């Protein structure tokens, strides 16, 4: 592997290694949304497959509903409906950002510290 690619890979690994599972999920949504904006079907499909792979089906209906929504997004992307997919993914990402902020705020209150949130 060329030195530049190896350095970039190490940088990305370092950036991601300190993130919580929710922050990683938000980053994955960022990739998916950016892929919609660029109309990059391959990268969008990869991100959606990763989102599907992240589901925990022990949570029943919530996971099943998310699975159906991600599959719908995959189908829409195949038809080139990137704006529709992007709107769905932006809404889901925003919900996760709100949840992450709430979790950090609650943790800070219970620990007497400060909360750090995702932008």
C-alpha atoms as a PDB file:
ATOM      1  CA  UNK A   1       0.000   0.000   0.000  1.00  0.00           C
ATOM      2  CA  UNK A   2       1.399   3.436  -0.922  1.00  0.00           C
ATOM      3  CA  UNK A   3       2.526   5.550   2.022  1.00  0.00           C
ATOM      4  CA  UNK A   4      -0.114   8.246   1.371  1.00  0.00           C
ATOM      5  CA  UNK A   5      -2.965   5.734   1.388  1.00  0.00           C
ATOM      6  CA  UNK A   6      -1.593   4.045   4.484  1.00  0.00           C
ATOM      7  CA  UNK A   7      -1.380   7.390   6.299  1.00  0.00           C
ATOM      8  CA  UNK A   8      -4.943   8.284   5.254  1.00  0.00           C
ATOM      9  CA  UNK A   9      -6.223   4.898   6.426  1.00  0.00           C
ATOM     10  CA  UNK A  10      -4.455   5.283   9.784  1.00  0.00           C
ATOM     11  CA  UNK A  11      -5.854   8.800  10.191  1.00  0.00           C
ATOM     12  CA  UNK A  12      -9.406   7.567   9.546  1.00  0.00           C
ATOM     13  CA  UNK A  13      -8.963   4.659  11.956  1.00  0.00           C
ATOM     14  CA  UNK A  14      -7.690   7.051  14.633  1.00  0.00           C
ATOM     15  CA  UNK A  15     -10.654   9.383  14.048  1.00  0.00           C
ATOM     16  CA  UNK A  16     -13.210   6.593  14.313  1.00  0.00           C
ATOM     17  CA  UNK A  17     -11.671   4.655  17.192  1.00  0.00           C
ATOM     18  CA  UNK A  18     -12.676   7.231  19.803  1.00  0.00           C
ATOM     19  CA  UNK A  19     -16.315   7.473  18.739  1.00  0.00           C
ATOM     20  CA  UNK A  20     -19.270   5.953  20.545  1.00  0.00           C
ATOM     21  CA  UNK A  21     -21.537   3.506  18.677  1.00  0.00           C
ATOM     22  CA  UNK A  22     -24.102   6.294  18.174  1.00  0.00           C
ATOM     23  CA  UNK A  23     -21.441   8.665  16.831  1.00  0.00           C
ATOM     24  CA  UNK A  24     -20.262   5.946  14.432  1.00  0.00           C
ATOM     25  CA  UNK A  25     -23.845   5.505  13.261  1.00  0.00           C
ATOM     26  CA  UNK A  26     -24.138   9.249  12.675  1.00  0.00           C
ATOM     27  CA  UNK A  27     -20.925   9.171  10.624  1.00  0.00           C
ATOM     28  CA  UNK A  28     -22.374   6.346   8.554  1.00  0.00           C
ATOM     29  CA  UNK A  29     -25.467   8.459   7.906  1.00  0.00           C
ATOM     30  CA  UNK A  30     -23.135  11.298   6.869  1.00  0.00           C
ATOM     31  CA  UNK A  31     -21.525   9.025   4.271  1.00  0.00           C
ATOM     32  CA  UNK A  32     -24.929   7.928   2.991  1.00  0.00           C
ATOM     33  CA  UNK A  33     -26.251  11.494   2.754  1.00  0.00           C
ATOM     34  CA  UNK A  34     -23.102  12.681   0.998  1.00  0.00           C
ATOM     35  CA  UNK A  35     -23.398   9.765  -1.415  1.00  0.00           C
ATOM     36  CA  UNK A  36     -26.948  10.855  -2.245  1.00  0.00           C
ATOM     37  CA  UNK A  37     -25.750  14.394  -2.922  1.00  0.00           C
ATOM     38  CA  UNK A  38     -23.057  13.048  -5.251  1.00  0.00           C
ATOM     39  CA  UNK A  39     -25.420  10.489  -6.789  1.00  0.00           C
ATOM     40  CA  UNK A  40     -22.833   7.836  -5.929  1.00  0.00           C
ATOM     41  CA  UNK A  41     -25.014   4.724  -6.001  1.00  0.00           C
ATOM     42  CA  UNK A  42     -22.217   2.303  -5.126  1.00  0.00           C
ATOM     43  CA  UNK A  43     -21.105   4.152  -2.010  1.00  0.00           C
ATOM     44  CA  UNK A  44     -24.721   4.766  -0.978  1.00  0.00           C
ATOM     45  CA  UNK A  45     -25.462   1.053  -1.312  1.00  0.00           C
ATOM     46  CA  UNK A  46     -22.409   0.251   0.818  1.00  0.00           C
ATOM     47  CA  UNK A  47     -23.546   2.677   3.518  1.00  0.00           C
ATOM     48  CA  UNK A  48     -27.094   1.299   3.504  1.00  0.00           C
ATOM     49  CA  UNK A  49     -25.809  -2.269   3.724  1.00  0.00           C
ATOM     50  CA  UNK A  50     -23.688  -1.196   6.719  1.00  0.00           C
ATOM     51  CA  UNK A  51     -26.743   0.405   8.319  1.00  0.00           C
ATOM     52  CA  UNK A  52     -28.684  -2.822   7.788  1.00  0.00           C
ATOM     53  CA  UNK A  53     -25.788  -4.773   9.292  1.00  0.00           C
ATOM     54  CA  UNK A  54     -25.831  -2.544  12.371  1.00  0.00           C
ATOM     55  CA  UNK A  55     -29.415  -3.453  13.257  1.00  0.00           C
ATOM     56  CA  UNK A  56     -30.040  -5.468  16.397  1.00  0.00           C
ATOM     57  CA  UNK A  57     -33.141  -7.544  15.737  1.00  0.00           C
ATOM     58  CA  UNK A  58     -33.547  -8.297  19.431  1.00  0.00           C
ATOM     59  CA  UNK A  59     -35.364  -4.940  19.519  1.00  0.00           C
ATOM     60  CA  UNK A  60     -38.140  -6.381  17.387  1.00  0.00           C
ATOM     61  CA  UNK A  61     -40.407  -3.992  15.564  1.00  0.00           C
ATOM     62  CA  UNK A  62     -38.041  -1.015  15.689  1.00  0.00           C
ATOM     63  CA  UNK A  63     -35.276  -2.973  13.960  1.00  0.00           C
ATOM     64  CA  UNK A  64     -37.680  -4.534  11.501  1.00  0.00           C
ATOM     65  CA  UNK A  65     -39.088  -1.125  10.593  1.00  0.00           C
ATOM     66  CA  UNK A  66     -35.579   0.256  10.104  1.00  0.00           C
ATOM     67  CA  UNK A  67     -34.684  -2.757   7.964  1.00  0.00           C
ATOM     68  CA  UNK A  68     -37.703  -2.128   5.739  1.00  0.00           C
ATOM     69  CA  UNK A  69     -36.876   1.563   5.460  1.00  0.00           C
ATOM     70  CA  UNK A  70     -33.239   0.884   4.527  1.00  0.00           C
ATOM     71  CA  UNK A  71     -34.362  -1.664   1.931  1.00  0.00           C
ATOM     72  CA  UNK A  72     -36.791   0.892   0.535  1.00  0.00           C
ATOM     73  CA  UNK A  73     -33.885   3.335   0.272  1.00  0.00           C
ATOM     74  CA  UNK A  74     -31.826   0.713  -1.563  1.00  0.00           C
ATOM     75  CA  UNK A  75     -34.638   0.246  -4.087  1.00  0.00           C
ATOM     76  CA  UNK A  76     -35.102   3.981  -4.553  1.00  0.00           C
ATOM     77  CA  UNK A  77     -31.356   4.453  -5.066  1.00  0.00           C
ATOM     78  CA  UNK A  78     -31.389   1.783  -7.784  1.00  0.00           C
ATOM     79  CA  UNK A  79     -34.047   3.854  -9.542  1.00  0.00           C
ATOM     80  CA  UNK A  80     -31.946   7.010  -9.193  1.00  0.00           C
ATOM     81  CA  UNK A  81     -34.240   8.693  -6.653  1.00  0.00           C
ATOM     82  CA  UNK A  82     -31.398  10.121  -4.613  1.00  0.00           C
ATOM     83  CA  UNK A  83     -33.325  13.155  -3.357  1.00  0.00           C
ATOM     84  CA  UNK A  84     -35.988  10.957  -1.787  1.00  0.00           C
ATOM     85  CA  UNK A  85     -33.383   8.718  -0.156  1.00  0.00           C
ATOM     86  CA  UNK A  86     -31.461  11.749   1.070  1.00  0.00           C
ATOM     87  CA  UNK A  87     -34.575  13.242   2.693  1.00  0.00           C
ATOM     88  CA  UNK A  88     -35.222   9.989   4.567  1.00  0.00           C
ATOM     89  CA  UNK A  89     -31.616   9.614   5.694  1.00  0.00           C
ATOM     90  CA  UNK A  90     -31.297  13.249   6.796  1.00  0.00           C
ATOM     91  CA  UNK A  91     -34.375  12.812   8.978  1.00  0.00           C
ATOM     92  CA  UNK A  92     -33.000   9.640  10.534  1.00  0.00           C
ATOM     93  CA  UNK A  93     -29.575  11.213  11.064  1.00  0.00           C
ATOM     94  CA  UNK A  94     -31.135  14.242  12.759  1.00  0.00           C
ATOM     95  CA  UNK A  95     -33.071  11.952  15.100  1.00  0.00           C
ATOM     96  CA  UNK A  96     -29.852  10.150  16.088  1.00  0.00           C
ATOM     97  CA  UNK A  97     -28.054  13.473  16.630  1.00  0.00           C
ATOM     98  CA  UNK A  98     -30.845  14.577  18.966  1.00  0.00           C
ATOM     99  CA  UNK A  99     -30.719  11.252  20.812  1.00  0.00           C
ATOM    100  CA  UNK A 100     -26.932  11.493  21.164  1.00  0.00           C
ATOM    101  CA  UNK A 101     -27.168  15.028  22.530  1.00  0.00           C
ATOM    102  CA  UNK A 102     -29.830  13.981  25.013  1.00  0.00           C
ATOM    103  CA  UNK A 103     -27.736  11.014  26.180  1.00  0.00           C
ATOM    104  CA  UNK A 104     -24.678  13.243  26.637  1.00  0.00           C
ATOM    105  CA  UNK A 105     -26.674  15.880  28.498  1.00  0.00           C
ATOM    106  CA  UNK A 106     -28.186  13.280  30.824  1.00  0.00           C
ATOM    107  CA  UNK A 107     -24.780  11.706  31.402  1.00  0.00           C
ATOM    108  CA  UNK A 108     -23.273  15.100  32.176  1.00  0.00           C
ATOM    109  CA  UNK A 109     -26.044  15.926  34.625  1.00  0.00           C
ATOM    110  CA  UNK A 110     -25.668  12.611  36.431  1.00  0.00           C
ATOM    111  CA  UNK A 111     -21.860  12.899  36.474  1.00  0.00           C
ATOM    112  CA  UNK A 112     -21.696  16.615  37.192  1.00  0.00           C
ATOM    113  CA  UNK A 113     -19.572  17.200  34.048  1.00  0.00           C
ATOM    114  CA  UNK A 114     -19.979  18.795  30.653  1.00  0.00           C
ATOM    115  CA  UNK A 115     -21.634  17.246  27.631  1.00  0.00           C
ATOM    116  CA  UNK A 116     -19.870  17.044  24.273  1.00  0.00           C
ATOM    117  CA  UNK A 117     -22.134  16.691  21.266  1.00  0.00           C
ATOM    118  CA  UNK A 118     -21.982  15.926  17.571  1.00  0.00           C
ATOM    119  CA  UNK A 119     -22.308  18.899  15.257  1.00  0.00           C
END
